[in-house]
N, C-alpha and C. Protein backbone atom coordinates (compact mmCIF):
# COMPACT_ATOMS: atom_id res chain seq x y z
N MET A 1 0.77 -1.68 -0.41
CA MET A 1 0.01 0.26 0.42
C MET A 1 0.93 0.93 0.08
N ALA A 2 0.50 2.19 -0.57
CA ALA A 2 1.48 3.11 -1.08
C ALA A 2 0.81 4.17 -0.43
N THR A 3 1.86 5.29 0.00
CA THR A 3 1.16 6.60 1.41
C THR A 3 0.72 7.74 0.02
N HIS A 4 0.06 8.04 0.62
CA HIS A 4 -0.74 9.28 -0.12
C HIS A 4 0.17 10.49 0.17
N SER A 5 0.33 11.71 -0.40
CA SER A 5 0.72 13.00 -0.16
C SER A 5 -0.46 13.91 -1.03
N ALA A 6 -1.16 15.05 -0.67
CA ALA A 6 -2.28 15.54 -1.16
C ALA A 6 -0.67 16.95 -1.57
N ASN A 7 -1.21 17.60 -3.16
CA ASN A 7 -0.21 18.45 -3.71
C ASN A 7 -0.59 19.54 -2.95
N LYS A 8 0.58 20.35 -2.64
CA LYS A 8 -0.11 21.82 -2.26
C LYS A 8 -0.84 22.84 -3.17
N ASN A 9 -1.12 22.27 -4.08
CA ASN A 9 -1.79 23.41 -4.95
C ASN A 9 -3.28 22.37 -4.75
N VAL A 10 -3.32 21.36 -4.47
CA VAL A 10 -5.17 21.24 -3.95
C VAL A 10 -5.62 21.63 -2.64
N ARG A 11 -6.31 22.13 -2.43
CA ARG A 11 -7.51 22.51 -1.12
C ARG A 11 -8.16 20.87 -1.08
N LEU A 12 -7.92 21.47 0.43
CA LEU A 12 -8.49 19.76 0.99
C LEU A 12 -10.05 20.22 0.81
N GLN A 13 -10.74 21.42 1.28
CA GLN A 13 -12.24 21.29 1.61
C GLN A 13 -12.56 22.40 0.17
N LYS A 14 -13.79 22.65 0.18
CA LYS A 14 -14.13 23.79 -0.91
C LYS A 14 -15.29 25.01 0.13
N ASN A 15 -14.80 25.65 0.74
CA ASN A 15 -14.83 26.65 1.58
C ASN A 15 -16.16 25.93 2.44
N GLU A 16 -16.13 25.01 3.14
CA GLU A 16 -17.01 24.15 4.17
C GLU A 16 -16.76 25.01 5.33
N SER A 17 -18.49 25.29 6.05
CA SER A 17 -19.06 25.98 6.87
C SER A 17 -19.26 25.39 7.99
N TYR A 18 -19.04 25.15 9.37
CA TYR A 18 -19.61 24.70 10.35
C TYR A 18 -20.49 25.73 11.07
N THR A 19 -21.28 25.13 11.69
CA THR A 19 -22.24 25.97 13.02
C THR A 19 -22.16 25.46 13.95
N ILE A 20 -21.56 25.65 15.17
CA ILE A 20 -21.42 24.57 16.43
C ILE A 20 -22.40 25.84 17.63
N ASP A 21 -23.14 25.12 18.31
CA ASP A 21 -24.24 26.03 19.38
C ASP A 21 -23.08 25.76 21.06
N ALA A 22 -22.82 26.57 21.06
CA ALA A 22 -22.04 26.58 22.45
C ALA A 22 -22.82 26.49 23.68
N GLN A 23 -24.18 26.61 23.97
CA GLN A 23 -24.81 26.87 24.89
C GLN A 23 -24.78 25.74 25.69
N GLY A 24 -24.11 25.89 27.41
CA GLY A 24 -24.46 24.44 28.01
C GLY A 24 -22.92 23.64 27.97
N LYS A 25 -22.36 23.54 26.85
CA LYS A 25 -20.71 22.85 26.55
C LYS A 25 -19.20 23.55 27.40
N SER A 26 -18.62 22.37 27.92
CA SER A 26 -17.69 22.82 28.12
C SER A 26 -16.61 23.97 27.10
N ILE A 27 -16.02 24.49 27.90
CA ILE A 27 -15.20 25.36 26.64
C ILE A 27 -13.95 24.71 26.41
N GLY A 28 -13.59 24.05 27.14
CA GLY A 28 -12.63 22.78 26.64
C GLY A 28 -12.72 22.33 25.64
N ARG A 29 -13.68 21.27 26.10
CA ARG A 29 -14.22 20.16 24.64
C ARG A 29 -15.01 21.14 23.45
N LEU A 30 -15.34 21.99 24.02
CA LEU A 30 -15.83 22.82 22.31
C LEU A 30 -14.38 22.99 21.82
N ALA A 31 -13.49 23.58 21.93
CA ALA A 31 -12.32 24.38 21.94
C ALA A 31 -11.89 23.36 21.57
N THR A 32 -11.61 21.75 21.72
CA THR A 32 -10.20 21.01 21.39
C THR A 32 -11.91 20.23 19.53
N SER A 33 -12.62 20.31 19.95
CA SER A 33 -13.54 19.81 18.66
C SER A 33 -13.22 21.27 17.80
N VAL A 34 -13.29 22.71 18.12
CA VAL A 34 -13.30 23.44 16.84
C VAL A 34 -11.86 23.67 16.24
N ALA A 35 -11.18 23.77 17.20
CA ALA A 35 -9.20 23.19 17.23
C ALA A 35 -9.57 22.12 15.74
N SER A 36 -9.91 20.70 16.10
CA SER A 36 -9.87 19.73 14.84
C SER A 36 -10.65 20.14 13.61
N ILE A 37 -11.15 21.03 14.14
CA ILE A 37 -12.41 21.17 12.43
C ILE A 37 -12.22 21.89 11.51
N ILE A 38 -11.29 23.32 12.30
CA ILE A 38 -10.69 24.21 11.38
C ILE A 38 -9.29 24.32 11.29
N ARG A 39 -8.93 23.07 11.62
CA ARG A 39 -7.41 22.30 11.37
C ARG A 39 -7.39 21.50 9.98
N GLY A 40 -8.76 20.99 10.03
CA GLY A 40 -8.97 20.08 8.87
C GLY A 40 -8.98 18.32 8.78
N LYS A 41 -8.75 18.32 10.21
CA LYS A 41 -8.19 17.15 10.82
C LYS A 41 -9.01 15.98 10.60
N THR A 42 -10.89 16.30 11.03
CA THR A 42 -12.08 15.81 10.54
C THR A 42 -12.10 15.31 8.83
N LYS A 43 -10.95 15.70 7.75
CA LYS A 43 -11.54 14.85 7.07
C LYS A 43 -10.28 14.05 6.19
N PRO A 44 -10.95 12.79 5.49
CA PRO A 44 -9.98 11.95 5.11
C PRO A 44 -8.34 11.94 4.54
N ASN A 45 -8.77 13.35 3.49
CA ASN A 45 -7.20 13.87 2.86
C ASN A 45 -6.39 14.76 3.87
N PHE A 46 -6.72 14.74 4.89
CA PHE A 46 -5.76 15.82 6.05
C PHE A 46 -4.05 15.87 5.31
N SER A 47 -3.55 16.66 5.47
CA SER A 47 -2.05 17.01 5.35
C SER A 47 -1.97 18.24 5.98
N TYR A 48 -0.19 18.29 6.46
CA TYR A 48 0.09 19.02 7.81
C TYR A 48 0.52 20.32 6.92
N HIS A 49 0.58 19.98 5.50
CA HIS A 49 1.61 21.23 4.58
C HIS A 49 0.77 22.01 3.51
N ILE A 50 -0.88 21.97 4.06
CA ILE A 50 -2.13 22.34 3.01
C ILE A 50 -2.91 23.11 4.64
N GLN A 51 -2.77 24.42 3.70
CA GLN A 51 -3.93 24.97 4.96
C GLN A 51 -5.76 24.70 4.34
N PRO A 52 -6.04 24.45 5.19
CA PRO A 52 -7.57 23.79 4.48
C PRO A 52 -8.44 25.21 4.89
N SER A 53 -9.60 25.33 4.07
CA SER A 53 -10.37 26.33 3.80
C SER A 53 -11.97 25.97 4.75
N VAL A 54 -11.86 26.10 5.98
CA VAL A 54 -13.11 25.62 6.51
C VAL A 54 -13.30 26.90 7.64
N LYS A 55 -14.69 27.40 7.56
CA LYS A 55 -15.41 28.48 8.44
C LYS A 55 -15.61 27.27 9.50
N VAL A 56 -15.67 27.79 10.56
CA VAL A 56 -16.77 27.71 11.70
C VAL A 56 -17.46 28.89 12.67
N VAL A 57 -18.47 29.06 12.94
CA VAL A 57 -19.27 29.70 13.49
C VAL A 57 -19.67 29.13 14.86
N VAL A 58 -19.44 29.99 15.97
CA VAL A 58 -19.51 29.60 17.38
C VAL A 58 -21.20 30.79 17.54
N LYS A 59 -22.15 29.77 18.02
CA LYS A 59 -23.16 31.12 18.79
C LYS A 59 -23.34 30.58 20.29
N ASN A 60 -24.11 31.51 20.71
CA ASN A 60 -23.87 31.57 21.78
C ASN A 60 -22.68 31.64 23.56
N ILE A 61 -21.95 31.68 22.30
CA ILE A 61 -20.42 32.06 23.60
C ILE A 61 -20.40 31.88 24.83
N GLY A 62 -21.24 33.34 25.33
CA GLY A 62 -21.85 33.66 26.43
C GLY A 62 -21.92 32.67 26.95
N LEU A 63 -22.66 31.72 26.99
CA LEU A 63 -23.23 30.63 27.89
C LEU A 63 -22.62 29.53 27.39
N VAL A 64 -21.73 29.47 27.34
CA VAL A 64 -20.67 27.82 27.65
C VAL A 64 -19.93 28.16 29.37
N LYS A 65 -19.99 26.50 29.18
CA LYS A 65 -19.58 26.03 30.91
C LYS A 65 -18.55 26.41 31.24
N ILE A 66 -17.70 27.14 32.33
CA ILE A 66 -16.69 27.36 32.67
C ILE A 66 -17.07 27.02 34.24
N SER A 67 -15.99 26.06 34.88
CA SER A 67 -16.54 25.99 35.96
C SER A 67 -15.65 26.95 36.84
N GLU A 68 -16.01 27.29 38.28
CA GLU A 68 -15.65 28.70 39.03
C GLU A 68 -14.01 28.40 39.40
N LYS A 69 -13.50 27.40 39.65
CA LYS A 69 -12.16 27.40 39.84
C LYS A 69 -11.16 27.66 38.82
N LYS A 70 -11.95 27.08 37.84
CA LYS A 70 -11.35 27.32 36.35
C LYS A 70 -11.63 28.71 36.10
N LEU A 71 -12.26 29.75 36.60
CA LEU A 71 -12.59 30.83 36.18
C LEU A 71 -11.37 31.91 37.24
N ILE A 72 -11.37 31.36 38.77
CA ILE A 72 -10.02 32.09 39.40
C ILE A 72 -9.36 31.67 39.44
N SER A 73 -8.66 30.26 39.07
CA SER A 73 -6.98 30.59 39.34
C SER A 73 -6.65 30.35 37.98
N GLU A 74 -7.05 30.25 36.40
CA GLU A 74 -6.84 30.05 35.13
C GLU A 74 -6.43 32.17 35.11
N SER A 75 -5.50 32.25 34.13
CA SER A 75 -5.04 33.71 34.03
C SER A 75 -4.16 33.34 32.38
N TYR A 76 -3.71 35.02 31.71
CA TYR A 76 -2.83 35.20 31.05
C TYR A 76 -1.93 35.82 31.34
N PHE A 77 -0.40 35.32 31.07
CA PHE A 77 0.30 36.06 31.34
C PHE A 77 0.74 37.33 30.05
N SER A 78 1.18 38.54 30.01
CA SER A 78 1.45 39.36 29.33
C SER A 78 2.91 40.72 29.55
N THR A 79 3.97 40.53 29.14
CA THR A 79 5.01 42.05 29.58
C THR A 79 4.64 42.50 27.92
N SER A 80 5.31 43.79 28.90
CA SER A 80 6.13 45.07 27.94
C SER A 80 7.08 44.88 27.54
N GLY A 81 8.36 44.21 28.47
CA GLY A 81 9.21 43.84 28.21
C GLY A 81 10.11 45.24 29.26
N TYR A 82 9.51 45.40 29.99
CA TYR A 82 10.38 46.45 30.87
C TYR A 82 10.12 45.83 32.34
N PRO A 83 11.26 45.80 32.76
CA PRO A 83 10.75 45.72 34.40
C PRO A 83 9.55 46.19 34.85
N GLY A 84 8.84 45.07 35.56
CA GLY A 84 7.79 45.84 36.72
C GLY A 84 6.64 45.65 35.80
N LYS A 85 6.79 45.11 34.71
CA LYS A 85 5.51 45.65 33.41
C LYS A 85 4.46 44.42 33.33
N LYS A 86 4.57 43.42 34.37
CA LYS A 86 3.97 41.82 34.15
C LYS A 86 2.18 42.48 34.19
N GLN A 87 1.50 41.92 33.40
CA GLN A 87 0.65 41.85 33.47
C GLN A 87 -0.64 40.27 33.42
N PHE A 88 -1.44 40.53 34.49
CA PHE A 88 -2.24 39.09 34.49
C PHE A 88 -3.73 39.22 34.33
N ILE A 89 -3.91 38.66 33.71
CA ILE A 89 -5.52 38.93 33.23
C ILE A 89 -5.91 37.47 33.16
N SER A 90 -7.08 37.53 34.92
CA SER A 90 -8.22 36.06 35.19
C SER A 90 -9.13 36.09 33.82
N TRP A 91 -9.33 34.82 33.81
CA TRP A 91 -10.10 34.27 33.01
C TRP A 91 -11.37 34.79 33.30
N ASP A 92 -11.94 35.44 34.27
CA ASP A 92 -12.84 35.85 35.20
C ASP A 92 -13.26 36.96 34.57
N LYS A 93 -12.03 37.75 34.64
CA LYS A 93 -12.12 39.06 33.91
C LYS A 93 -12.69 39.27 32.03
N LEU A 94 -11.48 38.16 31.73
CA LEU A 94 -11.67 38.05 30.47
C LEU A 94 -12.83 37.73 29.82
N PHE A 95 -13.32 36.99 30.33
CA PHE A 95 -14.81 36.56 30.07
C PHE A 95 -15.89 37.74 30.37
N LYS A 96 -15.66 37.92 31.29
CA LYS A 96 -16.95 39.09 31.44
C LYS A 96 -16.55 40.41 29.91
N LYS A 97 -15.38 40.86 30.03
CA LYS A 97 -15.07 41.58 29.05
C LYS A 97 -15.54 41.29 27.50
N ASN A 98 -14.50 39.84 27.11
CA ASN A 98 -15.17 39.82 25.94
C ASN A 98 -15.02 37.92 26.02
N PRO A 99 -16.11 37.01 25.74
CA PRO A 99 -15.76 35.63 25.65
C PRO A 99 -15.49 35.58 24.44
N GLN A 100 -15.45 36.36 23.73
CA GLN A 100 -15.21 35.42 22.36
C GLN A 100 -13.74 35.76 22.08
N GLU A 101 -12.65 36.55 22.82
CA GLU A 101 -11.25 36.75 23.36
C GLU A 101 -10.83 35.50 24.11
N LEU A 102 -11.60 34.91 24.79
CA LEU A 102 -11.24 33.68 25.57
C LEU A 102 -11.04 32.94 24.75
N PHE A 103 -12.04 32.23 24.22
CA PHE A 103 -12.51 31.20 22.92
C PHE A 103 -11.03 31.18 21.91
N ILE A 104 -10.70 32.42 21.64
CA ILE A 104 -9.75 32.78 20.90
C ILE A 104 -8.53 32.03 20.81
N ARG A 105 -7.98 32.64 22.65
CA ARG A 105 -7.11 31.74 22.75
C ARG A 105 -7.12 30.62 23.61
N VAL A 106 -7.64 30.34 23.71
CA VAL A 106 -7.86 28.80 23.93
C VAL A 106 -7.87 28.08 22.54
N VAL A 107 -8.56 28.15 21.97
CA VAL A 107 -8.24 27.32 20.69
C VAL A 107 -6.65 27.39 19.92
N SER A 108 -6.48 28.57 20.37
CA SER A 108 -5.06 29.21 19.49
C SER A 108 -3.92 28.53 20.35
N ARG A 109 -4.00 27.98 21.17
CA ARG A 109 -2.91 27.63 22.53
C ARG A 109 -2.93 26.02 21.64
N MET A 110 -4.22 25.19 20.92
CA MET A 110 -4.80 24.35 20.84
C MET A 110 -4.56 23.77 18.90
N ILE A 111 -3.59 24.96 18.70
CA ILE A 111 -3.66 25.03 17.27
C ILE A 111 -1.54 24.81 17.03
N PRO A 112 -1.30 24.26 16.24
CA PRO A 112 0.66 24.29 16.28
C PRO A 112 1.04 25.55 15.91
N ARG A 113 1.93 25.64 16.70
CA ARG A 113 2.59 27.49 15.78
C ARG A 113 3.26 26.98 14.56
N THR A 114 2.85 27.16 13.33
CA THR A 114 3.20 27.44 12.12
C THR A 114 2.74 27.97 11.17
N LYS A 115 3.31 28.35 10.10
CA LYS A 115 2.51 29.88 9.23
C LYS A 115 1.45 29.72 9.14
N PHE A 116 0.60 28.74 9.51
CA PHE A 116 -0.63 28.61 8.89
C PHE A 116 -1.70 29.33 10.01
N LYS A 117 -1.13 29.57 11.10
CA LYS A 117 -1.93 29.66 12.13
C LYS A 117 -2.35 30.86 12.56
N ASP A 118 -2.21 31.88 12.36
CA ASP A 118 -2.93 33.06 12.32
C ASP A 118 -4.21 33.10 11.28
N SER A 119 -3.96 32.82 9.59
CA SER A 119 -5.01 32.12 9.06
C SER A 119 -5.94 31.47 9.35
N ILE A 120 -5.45 30.24 10.09
CA ILE A 120 -6.57 28.81 10.73
C ILE A 120 -7.38 29.81 11.78
N ILE A 121 -6.79 30.67 12.55
CA ILE A 121 -7.69 30.91 13.69
C ILE A 121 -8.61 32.43 13.00
N ARG A 122 -8.36 32.80 12.22
CA ARG A 122 -9.19 34.14 11.65
C ARG A 122 -10.29 33.52 10.79
N ASN A 123 -10.68 31.90 11.08
CA ASN A 123 -11.33 31.18 10.38
C ASN A 123 -12.93 30.70 11.32
N ILE A 124 -12.85 31.60 12.51
CA ILE A 124 -13.40 31.52 13.87
C ILE A 124 -14.59 32.54 13.61
N SER A 125 -15.27 32.65 13.88
CA SER A 125 -16.29 33.43 13.85
C SER A 125 -17.32 33.15 14.73
N PHE A 126 -18.01 34.81 15.26
CA PHE A 126 -19.13 34.03 15.98
C PHE A 126 -20.73 35.12 16.08
N LYS A 127 -21.19 34.30 16.66
CA LYS A 127 -22.93 34.71 16.21
C LYS A 127 -23.38 35.31 17.31
């Protein structure tokens, strides 16, 4: 049996679109399913070196289920590079401010750091 590798000129999908309702679902399980869909891993002709053209629309992201412990304990870290300018933002503050931003950050950490990462993350939209 020969190994099949897709040609770079061939697209995996023809602009497929998925709609997912996030109401009552756990944020981690929802993020893993969205990450695998937007990478194209659900297709039989998946190949790492080809950028998929799959769009995912997530509805009701504000009603996603996050445990109380995770809202308080989890946080994101950023710095400006200057001494004393460390900034921590908890999931609680970020979720109240913008639940879409929290979801994008969770999914982006599940995507490998390749040249396709930014364009893959742009394929997530919200309603």
